[in-house]
Amino acid sequence: MRVTDILPAGSWDTTREIDRVLIDYDRRFRRRIVLATVLGAEVLIDLPQAVRLRDGDGLLAQTGIIRVCAQPEELMEIHAHEQGDLVRIAWHLGNRHLPVQLLGEYIRIRADHVIGEMVEGIGGHVETIQAPFDPEAGAYAGGGHHHRGDDDDDHRH
């Protein structure tokens, strides 16, 4: 199957879903890639520019829509007793250009024991978990969403 368009999460009719792809964070920013679906089919994404696929996006193919599912990976879930401490932790993570997922009272990042020790040293609490990782696209990702024309294949943070 060949993907002809990317449909942002929440914008497509889920009754048209025919299959799913389970993709980790590193593989969800591509211009061209062949993916195996949950049901064993292959789907080709071949677009003029790289796209950032997010959990819940739809891959439009001739036969229907394939849902993008963020694959669980080893993460650290960070929280703090004081809101100010969590904001300070977020600043330190951003200063290191780490991809972060903001979840209100928690921040998720990829598991890294050095960063975990830093977080605990400035008042945070870290729990290692297995969960889907869907970090913020960043201020320069093109505004409201994440598709077509955001970046090139080689740009990673």
N, C-alpha and C. Protein backbone atom coordinates (compact mmCIF):
# COMPACT_ATOMS: atom_id res chain seq x y z
N MET A 1 0.84 -1.18 0.00
CA MET A 1 0.00 0.00 0.00
C MET A 1 0.89 1.24 0.00
N ARG A 2 0.40 2.25 -0.63
CA ARG A 2 1.14 3.52 -0.71
C ARG A 2 0.32 4.61 -0.01
N VAL A 3 0.98 5.36 0.84
CA VAL A 3 0.34 6.47 1.55
C VAL A 3 0.28 7.68 0.63
N THR A 4 -0.90 8.28 0.53
CA THR A 4 -1.05 9.46 -0.33
C THR A 4 -1.17 10.75 0.48
N ASP A 5 -1.45 10.63 1.79
CA ASP A 5 -1.57 11.83 2.63
C ASP A 5 -1.51 11.42 4.09
N ILE A 6 -1.17 12.39 4.94
CA ILE A 6 -1.16 12.20 6.39
C ILE A 6 -2.32 13.00 6.95
N LEU A 7 -3.16 12.34 7.74
CA LEU A 7 -4.33 12.98 8.33
C LEU A 7 -4.07 13.18 9.83
N PRO A 8 -4.08 14.44 10.30
CA PRO A 8 -3.79 14.69 11.71
C PRO A 8 -4.78 13.97 12.64
N ALA A 9 -4.27 13.54 13.79
CA ALA A 9 -5.10 12.87 14.80
C ALA A 9 -6.35 13.70 15.09
N GLY A 10 -7.48 13.03 15.18
CA GLY A 10 -8.74 13.70 15.47
C GLY A 10 -9.44 14.29 14.27
N SER A 11 -8.81 14.25 13.09
CA SER A 11 -9.42 14.88 11.91
C SER A 11 -10.01 13.88 10.94
N TRP A 12 -9.89 12.58 11.24
CA TRP A 12 -10.34 11.59 10.26
C TRP A 12 -11.36 10.64 10.89
N ASP A 13 -12.16 10.03 10.03
CA ASP A 13 -13.24 9.13 10.42
C ASP A 13 -12.65 7.77 10.80
N THR A 14 -12.67 7.43 12.09
CA THR A 14 -12.06 6.20 12.57
C THR A 14 -12.75 4.94 12.04
N THR A 15 -13.95 5.06 11.50
CA THR A 15 -14.60 3.88 10.91
C THR A 15 -13.92 3.46 9.62
N ARG A 16 -13.06 4.33 9.07
CA ARG A 16 -12.31 4.00 7.84
C ARG A 16 -10.98 3.32 8.15
N GLU A 17 -10.68 3.10 9.46
CA GLU A 17 -9.42 2.47 9.85
C GLU A 17 -9.38 1.02 9.39
N ILE A 18 -8.32 0.67 8.66
CA ILE A 18 -8.18 -0.71 8.16
C ILE A 18 -7.03 -1.46 8.82
N ASP A 19 -6.11 -0.72 9.48
CA ASP A 19 -4.95 -1.36 10.07
C ASP A 19 -4.23 -0.33 10.94
N ARG A 20 -3.13 -0.76 11.56
CA ARG A 20 -2.33 0.12 12.41
C ARG A 20 -0.85 -0.15 12.18
N VAL A 21 -0.05 0.89 12.42
CA VAL A 21 1.40 0.72 12.47
C VAL A 21 1.86 1.17 13.85
N LEU A 22 2.76 0.41 14.41
CA LEU A 22 3.32 0.68 15.74
C LEU A 22 4.74 1.18 15.52
N ILE A 23 5.01 2.46 15.85
CA ILE A 23 6.28 3.09 15.51
C ILE A 23 6.86 3.81 16.72
N ASP A 24 8.16 3.61 16.98
CA ASP A 24 8.80 4.33 18.06
C ASP A 24 9.10 5.77 17.63
N TYR A 25 9.50 6.59 18.57
CA TYR A 25 9.71 8.02 18.32
C TYR A 25 10.71 8.28 17.20
N ASP A 26 11.85 7.56 17.19
CA ASP A 26 12.87 7.81 16.18
C ASP A 26 12.39 7.57 14.76
N ARG A 27 11.47 6.65 14.58
CA ARG A 27 11.02 6.30 13.23
C ARG A 27 9.78 7.10 12.80
N ARG A 28 9.28 8.00 13.64
CA ARG A 28 8.07 8.75 13.30
C ARG A 28 8.35 10.10 12.64
N PHE A 29 9.57 10.37 12.26
CA PHE A 29 9.89 11.60 11.54
C PHE A 29 10.61 11.19 10.27
N ARG A 30 9.87 11.08 9.19
CA ARG A 30 10.40 10.54 7.94
C ARG A 30 9.80 11.21 6.72
N ARG A 31 10.54 11.08 5.62
CA ARG A 31 10.03 11.45 4.31
C ARG A 31 9.67 10.19 3.55
N ARG A 32 10.53 9.17 3.70
CA ARG A 32 10.31 7.92 2.97
C ARG A 32 10.66 6.76 3.89
N ILE A 33 9.71 5.82 4.02
CA ILE A 33 9.94 4.63 4.84
C ILE A 33 8.89 3.58 4.50
N VAL A 34 9.28 2.32 4.58
CA VAL A 34 8.33 1.20 4.46
C VAL A 34 8.09 0.68 5.86
N LEU A 35 6.83 0.57 6.23
CA LEU A 35 6.44 0.11 7.57
C LEU A 35 5.62 -1.16 7.46
N ALA A 36 5.80 -2.06 8.42
CA ALA A 36 4.95 -3.25 8.52
C ALA A 36 3.76 -2.91 9.42
N THR A 37 2.58 -3.27 8.99
CA THR A 37 1.39 -3.01 9.79
C THR A 37 1.17 -4.12 10.80
N VAL A 38 0.28 -3.89 11.74
CA VAL A 38 -0.05 -4.89 12.76
C VAL A 38 -0.59 -6.17 12.11
N LEU A 39 -1.34 -6.02 11.01
CA LEU A 39 -1.91 -7.18 10.33
C LEU A 39 -0.95 -7.82 9.32
N GLY A 40 0.28 -7.32 9.23
CA GLY A 40 1.29 -7.95 8.39
C GLY A 40 1.45 -7.39 6.99
N ALA A 41 0.75 -6.34 6.65
CA ALA A 41 0.91 -5.72 5.33
C ALA A 41 2.09 -4.75 5.37
N GLU A 42 2.51 -4.29 4.20
CA GLU A 42 3.53 -3.26 4.12
C GLU A 42 2.91 -1.99 3.58
N VAL A 43 3.35 -0.86 4.13
CA VAL A 43 2.85 0.43 3.69
C VAL A 43 4.05 1.32 3.40
N LEU A 44 4.01 2.01 2.26
CA LEU A 44 5.10 2.90 1.86
C LEU A 44 4.66 4.34 2.07
N ILE A 45 5.47 5.06 2.85
CA ILE A 45 5.32 6.51 2.95
C ILE A 45 6.41 7.09 2.08
N ASP A 46 6.03 7.86 1.08
CA ASP A 46 6.98 8.47 0.15
C ASP A 46 6.44 9.86 -0.18
N LEU A 47 6.86 10.84 0.61
CA LEU A 47 6.34 12.20 0.48
C LEU A 47 7.45 13.15 0.04
N PRO A 48 7.09 14.30 -0.52
CA PRO A 48 8.10 15.26 -0.99
C PRO A 48 8.98 15.81 0.14
N GLN A 49 8.42 15.89 1.36
CA GLN A 49 9.17 16.40 2.50
C GLN A 49 8.88 15.53 3.71
N ALA A 50 9.78 15.58 4.68
CA ALA A 50 9.61 14.79 5.90
C ALA A 50 8.39 15.27 6.68
N VAL A 51 7.75 14.33 7.35
CA VAL A 51 6.62 14.63 8.22
C VAL A 51 6.91 14.07 9.61
N ARG A 52 6.31 14.68 10.60
CA ARG A 52 6.40 14.19 11.97
C ARG A 52 5.09 13.48 12.27
N LEU A 53 5.13 12.17 12.31
CA LEU A 53 3.93 11.39 12.60
C LEU A 53 3.69 11.38 14.11
N ARG A 54 2.44 11.57 14.50
CA ARG A 54 2.09 11.59 15.92
C ARG A 54 1.08 10.49 16.19
N ASP A 55 1.03 10.08 17.42
CA ASP A 55 0.09 9.06 17.84
C ASP A 55 -1.33 9.47 17.45
N GLY A 56 -2.04 8.60 16.75
CA GLY A 56 -3.41 8.89 16.33
C GLY A 56 -3.54 9.45 14.93
N ASP A 57 -2.44 9.83 14.31
CA ASP A 57 -2.51 10.30 12.92
C ASP A 57 -2.97 9.15 12.03
N GLY A 58 -3.49 9.49 10.88
CA GLY A 58 -3.92 8.49 9.90
C GLY A 58 -3.08 8.55 8.65
N LEU A 59 -2.72 7.39 8.14
CA LEU A 59 -2.01 7.30 6.86
C LEU A 59 -3.04 6.94 5.81
N LEU A 60 -3.33 7.86 4.92
CA LEU A 60 -4.36 7.66 3.91
C LEU A 60 -3.81 6.82 2.77
N ALA A 61 -4.44 5.68 2.54
CA ALA A 61 -4.10 4.80 1.42
C ALA A 61 -5.36 4.60 0.59
N GLN A 62 -5.25 4.01 -0.58
CA GLN A 62 -6.42 3.80 -1.46
C GLN A 62 -7.50 2.98 -0.78
N THR A 63 -7.11 2.01 0.02
CA THR A 63 -8.08 1.08 0.60
C THR A 63 -8.63 1.52 1.95
N GLY A 64 -8.10 2.60 2.53
CA GLY A 64 -8.58 3.07 3.82
C GLY A 64 -7.49 3.82 4.56
N ILE A 65 -7.63 3.88 5.88
CA ILE A 65 -6.71 4.66 6.71
C ILE A 65 -6.01 3.74 7.70
N ILE A 66 -4.70 3.90 7.79
CA ILE A 66 -3.88 3.14 8.73
C ILE A 66 -3.53 4.07 9.88
N ARG A 67 -3.87 3.66 11.10
CA ARG A 67 -3.63 4.49 12.28
C ARG A 67 -2.17 4.38 12.73
N VAL A 68 -1.58 5.53 13.05
CA VAL A 68 -0.24 5.58 13.62
C VAL A 68 -0.38 5.42 15.14
N CYS A 69 0.32 4.44 15.70
CA CYS A 69 0.34 4.21 17.14
C CYS A 69 1.76 4.35 17.65
N ALA A 70 1.95 5.20 18.64
CA ALA A 70 3.27 5.38 19.23
C ALA A 70 3.63 4.12 20.02
N GLN A 71 4.76 3.53 19.69
CA GLN A 71 5.20 2.29 20.34
C GLN A 71 5.74 2.61 21.74
N PRO A 72 5.34 1.84 22.74
CA PRO A 72 5.90 2.05 24.09
C PRO A 72 7.42 1.86 24.07
N GLU A 73 8.10 2.72 24.82
CA GLU A 73 9.54 2.63 24.97
C GLU A 73 9.93 3.02 26.39
N GLU A 74 11.19 2.80 26.75
CA GLU A 74 11.62 3.10 28.12
C GLU A 74 11.76 4.60 28.29
N LEU A 75 10.99 5.13 29.23
CA LEU A 75 10.95 6.57 29.49
C LEU A 75 11.16 6.84 30.97
N MET A 76 11.41 8.09 31.26
CA MET A 76 11.40 8.55 32.65
C MET A 76 10.24 9.52 32.79
N GLU A 77 9.41 9.27 33.80
CA GLU A 77 8.31 10.18 34.10
C GLU A 77 8.77 11.00 35.31
N ILE A 78 8.75 12.31 35.14
CA ILE A 78 9.30 13.23 36.12
C ILE A 78 8.18 14.04 36.75
N HIS A 79 8.21 14.16 38.07
CA HIS A 79 7.28 15.06 38.75
C HIS A 79 8.03 15.75 39.89
N ALA A 80 7.41 16.77 40.46
CA ALA A 80 7.99 17.50 41.58
C ALA A 80 6.87 17.87 42.53
N HIS A 81 7.22 18.10 43.79
CA HIS A 81 6.20 18.46 44.79
C HIS A 81 5.71 19.90 44.61
N GLU A 82 6.56 20.75 44.06
CA GLU A 82 6.20 22.14 43.85
C GLU A 82 6.18 22.44 42.35
N GLN A 83 5.17 23.18 41.90
CA GLN A 83 5.05 23.55 40.49
C GLN A 83 6.28 24.30 39.99
N GLY A 84 6.82 25.17 40.83
CA GLY A 84 8.02 25.92 40.46
C GLY A 84 9.20 25.02 40.17
N ASP A 85 9.32 23.94 40.95
CA ASP A 85 10.41 22.98 40.72
C ASP A 85 10.24 22.28 39.38
N LEU A 86 9.01 21.94 39.03
CA LEU A 86 8.76 21.28 37.75
C LEU A 86 9.08 22.22 36.57
N VAL A 87 8.76 23.49 36.73
CA VAL A 87 9.08 24.47 35.69
C VAL A 87 10.60 24.60 35.54
N ARG A 88 11.31 24.63 36.66
CA ARG A 88 12.77 24.71 36.62
C ARG A 88 13.37 23.48 35.96
N ILE A 89 12.82 22.30 36.26
CA ILE A 89 13.28 21.06 35.64
C ILE A 89 13.04 21.13 34.13
N ALA A 90 11.87 21.59 33.73
CA ALA A 90 11.56 21.71 32.31
C ALA A 90 12.55 22.64 31.62
N TRP A 91 12.91 23.73 32.29
CA TRP A 91 13.89 24.65 31.72
C TRP A 91 15.23 23.94 31.50
N HIS A 92 15.69 23.19 32.50
CA HIS A 92 16.97 22.48 32.37
C HIS A 92 16.92 21.45 31.24
N LEU A 93 15.81 20.74 31.10
CA LEU A 93 15.67 19.75 30.02
C LEU A 93 15.70 20.45 28.66
N GLY A 94 14.99 21.57 28.56
CA GLY A 94 14.98 22.33 27.31
C GLY A 94 16.35 22.90 26.99
N ASN A 95 17.08 23.31 28.01
CA ASN A 95 18.42 23.84 27.82
C ASN A 95 19.36 22.78 27.24
N ARG A 96 19.02 21.51 27.45
CA ARG A 96 19.81 20.41 26.89
C ARG A 96 19.23 19.90 25.57
N HIS A 97 18.22 20.58 25.06
CA HIS A 97 17.58 20.25 23.78
C HIS A 97 17.05 18.82 23.75
N LEU A 98 16.53 18.35 24.88
CA LEU A 98 15.97 17.01 24.94
C LEU A 98 14.52 17.04 24.49
N PRO A 99 14.07 16.05 23.72
CA PRO A 99 12.64 15.97 23.42
C PRO A 99 11.88 15.69 24.72
N VAL A 100 10.83 16.45 24.97
CA VAL A 100 10.03 16.29 26.18
C VAL A 100 8.55 16.20 25.84
N GLN A 101 7.85 15.40 26.61
CA GLN A 101 6.40 15.29 26.50
C GLN A 101 5.83 15.88 27.77
N LEU A 102 5.04 16.94 27.62
CA LEU A 102 4.44 17.62 28.76
C LEU A 102 3.06 17.07 29.04
N LEU A 103 2.85 16.60 30.28
CA LEU A 103 1.58 15.97 30.64
C LEU A 103 0.99 16.60 31.90
N GLY A 104 0.94 17.91 31.95
CA GLY A 104 0.38 18.60 33.11
C GLY A 104 1.29 18.51 34.31
N GLU A 105 1.01 17.58 35.21
CA GLU A 105 1.79 17.41 36.44
C GLU A 105 3.06 16.60 36.23
N TYR A 106 3.25 16.05 35.02
CA TYR A 106 4.40 15.20 34.73
C TYR A 106 5.09 15.65 33.46
N ILE A 107 6.36 15.28 33.36
CA ILE A 107 7.13 15.45 32.14
C ILE A 107 7.69 14.07 31.82
N ARG A 108 7.63 13.68 30.55
CA ARG A 108 8.25 12.43 30.12
C ARG A 108 9.42 12.74 29.20
N ILE A 109 10.52 12.01 29.43
CA ILE A 109 11.67 12.05 28.54
C ILE A 109 12.16 10.62 28.35
N ARG A 110 13.04 10.44 27.40
CA ARG A 110 13.65 9.12 27.24
C ARG A 110 14.52 8.81 28.44
N ALA A 111 14.57 7.54 28.80
CA ALA A 111 15.35 7.11 29.96
C ALA A 111 16.82 7.42 29.74
N ASP A 112 17.42 8.09 30.72
CA ASP A 112 18.83 8.45 30.69
C ASP A 112 19.25 8.65 32.15
N HIS A 113 20.08 7.76 32.67
CA HIS A 113 20.40 7.82 34.10
C HIS A 113 21.13 9.10 34.50
N VAL A 114 21.92 9.67 33.61
CA VAL A 114 22.62 10.91 33.92
C VAL A 114 21.62 12.05 34.09
N ILE A 115 20.68 12.15 33.17
CA ILE A 115 19.65 13.20 33.26
C ILE A 115 18.76 12.93 34.48
N GLY A 116 18.46 11.67 34.76
CA GLY A 116 17.68 11.32 35.94
C GLY A 116 18.33 11.80 37.22
N GLU A 117 19.64 11.62 37.33
CA GLU A 117 20.38 12.09 38.52
C GLU A 117 20.34 13.61 38.62
N MET A 118 20.46 14.30 37.47
CA MET A 118 20.38 15.76 37.47
C MET A 118 19.00 16.21 37.96
N VAL A 119 17.94 15.56 37.45
CA VAL A 119 16.57 15.92 37.83
C VAL A 119 16.37 15.75 39.33
N GLU A 120 16.83 14.63 39.86
CA GLU A 120 16.68 14.39 41.30
C GLU A 120 17.51 15.38 42.11
N GLY A 121 18.64 15.81 41.57
CA GLY A 121 19.50 16.77 42.25
C GLY A 121 18.89 18.16 42.34
N ILE A 122 17.93 18.47 41.49
CA ILE A 122 17.28 19.79 41.54
C ILE A 122 15.83 19.69 42.03
N GLY A 123 15.52 18.59 42.73
CA GLY A 123 14.23 18.50 43.41
C GLY A 123 13.16 17.69 42.71
N GLY A 124 13.49 17.02 41.63
CA GLY A 124 12.49 16.22 40.94
C GLY A 124 12.49 14.78 41.40
N HIS A 125 11.47 14.06 40.99
CA HIS A 125 11.34 12.64 41.28
C HIS A 125 11.17 11.92 39.94
N VAL A 126 11.87 10.80 39.79
CA VAL A 126 11.92 10.10 38.52
C VAL A 126 11.42 8.67 38.70
N GLU A 127 10.55 8.27 37.78
CA GLU A 127 10.09 6.88 37.73
C GLU A 127 10.32 6.39 36.31
N THR A 128 10.99 5.24 36.18
CA THR A 128 11.20 4.64 34.86
C THR A 128 9.95 3.85 34.49
N ILE A 129 9.44 4.10 33.28
CA ILE A 129 8.21 3.46 32.83
C ILE A 129 8.36 2.99 31.39
N GLN A 130 7.44 2.16 30.93
CA GLN A 130 7.29 1.81 29.53
C GLN A 130 6.00 2.49 29.06
N ALA A 131 6.11 3.37 28.07
CA ALA A 131 4.93 4.11 27.59
C ALA A 131 5.23 4.67 26.20
N PRO A 132 4.18 5.00 25.44
CA PRO A 132 4.39 5.69 24.17
C PRO A 132 5.01 7.07 24.42
N PHE A 133 5.90 7.50 23.53
CA PHE A 133 6.55 8.80 23.66
C PHE A 133 6.12 9.67 22.51
N ASP A 134 5.47 10.78 22.82
CA ASP A 134 4.96 11.70 21.81
C ASP A 134 5.33 13.12 22.23
N PRO A 135 6.62 13.50 22.11
CA PRO A 135 7.07 14.79 22.62
C PRO A 135 6.57 15.98 21.81
N GLU A 136 6.73 17.15 22.39
CA GLU A 136 6.39 18.40 21.73
C GLU A 136 7.19 18.51 20.44
N ALA A 137 6.59 19.09 19.42
CA ALA A 137 7.27 19.26 18.13
C ALA A 137 8.30 20.37 18.18
N GLY A 138 8.13 21.35 19.05
CA GLY A 138 9.08 22.44 19.17
C GLY A 138 8.57 23.72 18.53
N ALA A 139 9.18 24.81 18.92
CA ALA A 139 8.73 26.14 18.49
C ALA A 139 8.92 26.38 17.00
N TYR A 140 9.86 25.68 16.37
CA TYR A 140 10.15 25.94 14.96
C TYR A 140 9.55 24.87 14.05
N ALA A 141 8.59 24.12 14.55
CA ALA A 141 8.01 23.02 13.78
C ALA A 141 6.86 23.46 12.88
N GLY A 142 6.59 24.73 12.78
CA GLY A 142 5.59 25.17 11.82
C GLY A 142 4.24 25.49 12.42
N GLY A 143 4.19 25.89 13.67
CA GLY A 143 2.93 26.34 14.24
C GLY A 143 2.10 25.24 14.83
N GLY A 144 0.81 25.23 14.48
CA GLY A 144 -0.17 24.38 15.13
C GLY A 144 0.00 22.90 14.98
N HIS A 145 0.49 22.42 13.84
CA HIS A 145 0.62 20.98 13.71
C HIS A 145 1.99 20.63 13.19
N HIS A 146 2.17 19.47 12.64
CA HIS A 146 3.48 18.90 12.48
C HIS A 146 3.74 18.30 11.11
N HIS A 147 2.91 18.55 10.15
CA HIS A 147 3.04 17.85 8.89
C HIS A 147 3.64 18.72 7.79
N ARG A 148 3.99 18.08 6.71
CA ARG A 148 4.48 18.65 5.46
C ARG A 148 5.26 19.95 5.63
N GLY A 149 6.52 19.85 5.30
CA GLY A 149 7.36 21.02 5.27
C GLY A 149 7.96 21.42 6.59
N ASP A 150 7.87 20.59 7.61
CA ASP A 150 8.40 20.96 8.91
C ASP A 150 9.92 21.00 8.93
N ASP A 151 10.57 19.98 8.46
CA ASP A 151 12.02 19.84 8.51
C ASP A 151 12.45 18.91 7.40
N ASP A 152 13.73 18.53 7.43
CA ASP A 152 14.20 17.55 6.48
C ASP A 152 14.51 16.24 7.18
N ASP A 153 14.82 15.21 6.42
CA ASP A 153 15.05 13.87 6.97
C ASP A 153 16.18 13.82 7.98
N ASP A 154 17.18 14.69 7.85
CA ASP A 154 18.38 14.57 8.66
C ASP A 154 18.32 15.35 9.95
N HIS A 155 17.32 16.18 10.17
CA HIS A 155 17.23 17.02 11.36
C HIS A 155 16.61 16.25 12.51
N ARG A 156 17.38 16.10 13.59
CA ARG A 156 16.86 15.38 14.77
C ARG A 156 17.29 16.10 16.03
N HIS A 157 16.48 16.02 17.06
CA HIS A 157 16.86 16.54 18.39
C HIS A 157 16.80 15.41 19.36
